[in-house]
Protein backbone atom coordinates (compact mmCIF):
# COMPACT_ATOMS: atom_id res chain seq x y z
CA PHE A 1 -0.12 0.27 -0.02
CA GLN A 2 3.09 2.74 0.60
CA ALA A 3 4.50 1.50 -2.28
CA GLU A 4 1.79 2.95 -4.50
CA GLU A 5 1.43 6.20 -2.51
CA PRO A 6 4.63 7.87 -3.84
CA VAL A 7 3.29 6.80 -7.55
CA LEU A 8 -0.23 8.77 -6.58
CA ARG A 9 1.75 11.87 -5.60
CA ASP A 10 3.80 11.74 -8.95
CA ARG A 11 0.65 11.77 -10.89
CA GLY A 12 -0.87 14.42 -8.92
CA ARG A 13 2.31 17.00 -8.99
CA LYS A 14 2.08 16.43 -13.12
CA LYS A 15 -1.13 16.93 -13.45
CA ASP A 16 -0.15 20.45 -11.52
CA VAL A 17 3.07 20.79 -13.76
CA ILE A 18 0.26 20.21 -16.87
CA MET A 19 -1.90 22.77 -15.37
CA VAL A 20 0.69 25.38 -14.75
CA ASP A 21 2.05 25.09 -18.70
CA GLN A 22 -1.50 25.42 -19.72
CA GLN A 23 -2.03 28.66 -17.47
CA GLN A 24 1.32 29.99 -18.67
CA ALA A 25 0.40 29.25 -22.19
CA ALA A 26 -2.65 30.82 -21.93
CA GLN A 27 -1.14 34.11 -19.99
CA ALA A 28 1.01 34.12 -23.15
CA LEU A 29 -1.45 33.69 -25.87
CA VAL A 30 -3.66 36.85 -23.84
CA ALA A 31 -0.19 38.67 -23.40
CA GLN A 32 0.37 38.42 -27.30
CA LEU A 33 -2.89 39.35 -28.01
CA GLN A 34 -3.01 42.92 -26.03
CA GLY A 35 0.45 43.58 -27.11
CA MET A 36 -1.53 43.36 -30.84
CA LYS A 37 -4.03 45.42 -29.14
CA GLU A 38 -1.82 48.14 -27.76
CA GLU A 39 -0.01 48.13 -31.77
CA GLY A 40 -3.48 48.69 -33.16
CA ASN A 41 -4.37 51.72 -30.23
CA GLN A 42 -0.64 53.14 -31.38
CA ILE A 43 -1.26 53.10 -35.24
CA ALA A 44 -4.83 54.47 -34.65
CA GLN A 45 -3.64 57.12 -32.26
CA LYS A 46 -0.86 58.57 -34.93
CA ILE A 47 -3.75 58.38 -37.13
CA SER A 48 -5.74 60.83 -35.32
CA GLU A 49 -2.46 63.25 -35.23
CA LEU A 50 -2.09 62.93 -38.59
CA ASP A 51 -5.42 63.90 -39.12
CA GLN A 52 -5.56 66.90 -37.64
CA GLU A 53 -2.24 67.92 -39.06
CA ARG A 54 -3.88 67.28 -42.41
CA HIS A 55 -6.98 69.37 -40.95
CA GLU A 56 -4.46 72.13 -40.45
CA HIS A 57 -2.95 72.20 -43.82
CA SER A 58 -6.04 72.19 -45.31
CA LEU A 59 -7.07 75.73 -43.31
CA VAL A 60 -3.59 76.82 -44.33
CA ILE A 61 -4.31 75.87 -48.21
CA GLU A 62 -7.76 77.52 -48.06
CA THR A 63 -6.39 80.86 -46.62
CA LEU A 64 -3.58 81.20 -48.52
CA SER A 65 -5.30 80.20 -52.10
CA LYS A 66 -7.31 83.58 -51.34
CA LEU A 67 -4.12 85.35 -50.99
CA ASP A 68 -1.86 87.16 -53.63
CA GLY A 69 0.82 85.18 -54.47
CA SER A 70 3.25 87.67 -53.94
CA ARG A 71 2.27 88.73 -50.59
CA LYS A 72 4.86 88.07 -47.61
CA CYS A 73 3.92 85.06 -45.07
CA TYR A 74 6.20 83.18 -42.77
CA ARG A 75 6.47 79.49 -42.37
CA MET A 76 8.13 77.59 -39.78
CA ILE A 77 10.71 75.41 -41.15
CA GLY A 78 12.50 72.70 -38.90
CA GLY A 79 11.70 75.03 -36.00
CA VAL A 80 13.21 78.05 -37.50
CA LEU A 81 10.55 81.03 -38.68
CA THR A 82 11.25 81.80 -42.49
CA GLU A 83 9.76 84.77 -44.79
CA ARG A 84 8.24 83.91 -48.14
CA THR A 85 5.57 84.35 -50.22
CA ALA A 86 2.44 83.00 -50.58
CA GLY A 87 3.67 81.73 -53.89
CA GLU A 88 6.25 79.77 -52.97
CA VAL A 89 4.98 78.12 -49.66
CA LEU A 90 1.45 77.18 -51.34
CA PRO A 91 2.55 74.59 -53.25
CA ALA A 92 5.13 73.40 -50.49
CA VAL A 93 1.89 73.12 -48.00
CA LYS A 94 -0.42 71.09 -51.06
CA GLU A 95 2.55 68.76 -51.14
CA ASN A 96 2.81 67.83 -47.37
CA MET A 97 -0.96 67.57 -47.50
CA THR A 98 -0.56 64.84 -50.03
CA LYS A 99 1.76 63.13 -48.27
CA LEU A 100 0.03 63.12 -45.29
CA GLU A 101 -2.90 61.98 -47.04
CA GLN A 102 -0.98 58.76 -48.76
CA VAL A 103 0.60 58.54 -44.80
CA CYS A 104 -3.07 58.28 -43.46
CA THR A 105 -4.02 56.09 -45.86
CA ASP A 106 -1.15 53.61 -44.86
CA LEU A 107 -1.61 53.65 -41.97
CA TYR A 108 -5.49 53.20 -41.79
CA LYS A 109 -4.67 49.68 -44.10
CA ARG A 110 -1.94 48.82 -41.53
CA LEU A 111 -4.70 48.99 -38.76
CA GLN A 112 -7.25 47.20 -40.77
CA ASP A 113 -4.62 44.06 -41.21
CA LYS A 114 -3.54 44.20 -37.66
CA GLU A 115 -7.54 44.34 -36.64
CA LYS A 116 -7.79 41.48 -39.18
CA GLU A 117 -4.87 39.75 -37.55
CA MET A 118 -6.27 39.85 -34.50
CA GLN A 119 -9.55 38.41 -35.01
CA GLU A 120 -7.76 36.08 -36.70
CA PHE A 121 -5.44 34.88 -33.44
CA GLN A 122 -8.35 35.05 -31.39
CA SER A 123 -10.19 32.73 -33.39
CA LYS A 124 -7.30 30.02 -34.02
CA HIS A 125 -6.62 30.22 -29.76
CA ASN A 126 -10.00 30.34 -28.81
CA ILE A 127 -9.69 33.70 -27.32
CA ARG A 128 -12.65 35.90 -26.31
CA LEU A 129 -13.00 39.55 -24.91
CA ALA A 130 -14.85 38.80 -21.51
CA ARG A 131 -17.45 41.02 -20.47
CA PRO A 132 -17.85 42.57 -17.02
CA GLY A 133 -19.46 39.66 -14.57
CA GLU A 134 -19.11 37.19 -17.58
CA GLY A 135 -18.96 33.69 -15.98
CA GLN A 136 -17.00 35.07 -12.63
CA GLN A 137 -18.04 37.58 -9.88
CA LYS A 138 -15.99 40.98 -10.21
CA LYS A 139 -12.86 41.60 -8.14
CA GLU A 140 -12.25 44.06 -6.27
CA GLY A 141 -12.12 47.22 -7.76
CA GLY A 142 -14.05 45.85 -10.51
CA ALA A 143 -13.33 44.07 -13.70
CA LYS A 144 -11.57 45.66 -16.64
CA ASP A 145 -13.24 46.11 -19.88
CA ASP A 146 -10.89 43.75 -21.84
CA GLU A 147 -10.01 41.51 -20.09
CA TYR A 148 -9.18 38.09 -22.48
CA HIS A 149 -9.86 34.63 -21.75
CA VAL A 150 -8.57 31.04 -23.26
């Protein structure tokens, strides 16, 4: 009877080791998904910043278009205020706006690709976003809105 007892203890330890390995693997998957989500948030934030800059450029273009091309204006280039004419500045601002629009388009595509990658990752690894109060009681301080469960 005593000879079987250590074997049972070993089996229990193996189950504990397997459960710990599964929990670590699940935590690694969730961490990887959260990293993807953070990348997506960073891309979205950059798009927002560039959209604001694009809006500012459109206001400048609208204003400069109404002015005589020989009228004096000032432009900030690399932290240095330079004196130019409206005719010189307007094409440069239009070119910058075109470049901003292209960058925004590229970033938007990257954001869509990242979201698709996250959805595929969630489906592949059976990860779902837990709703507050779903499956278990809220922990002290409340549950996070973006908790993931494998």
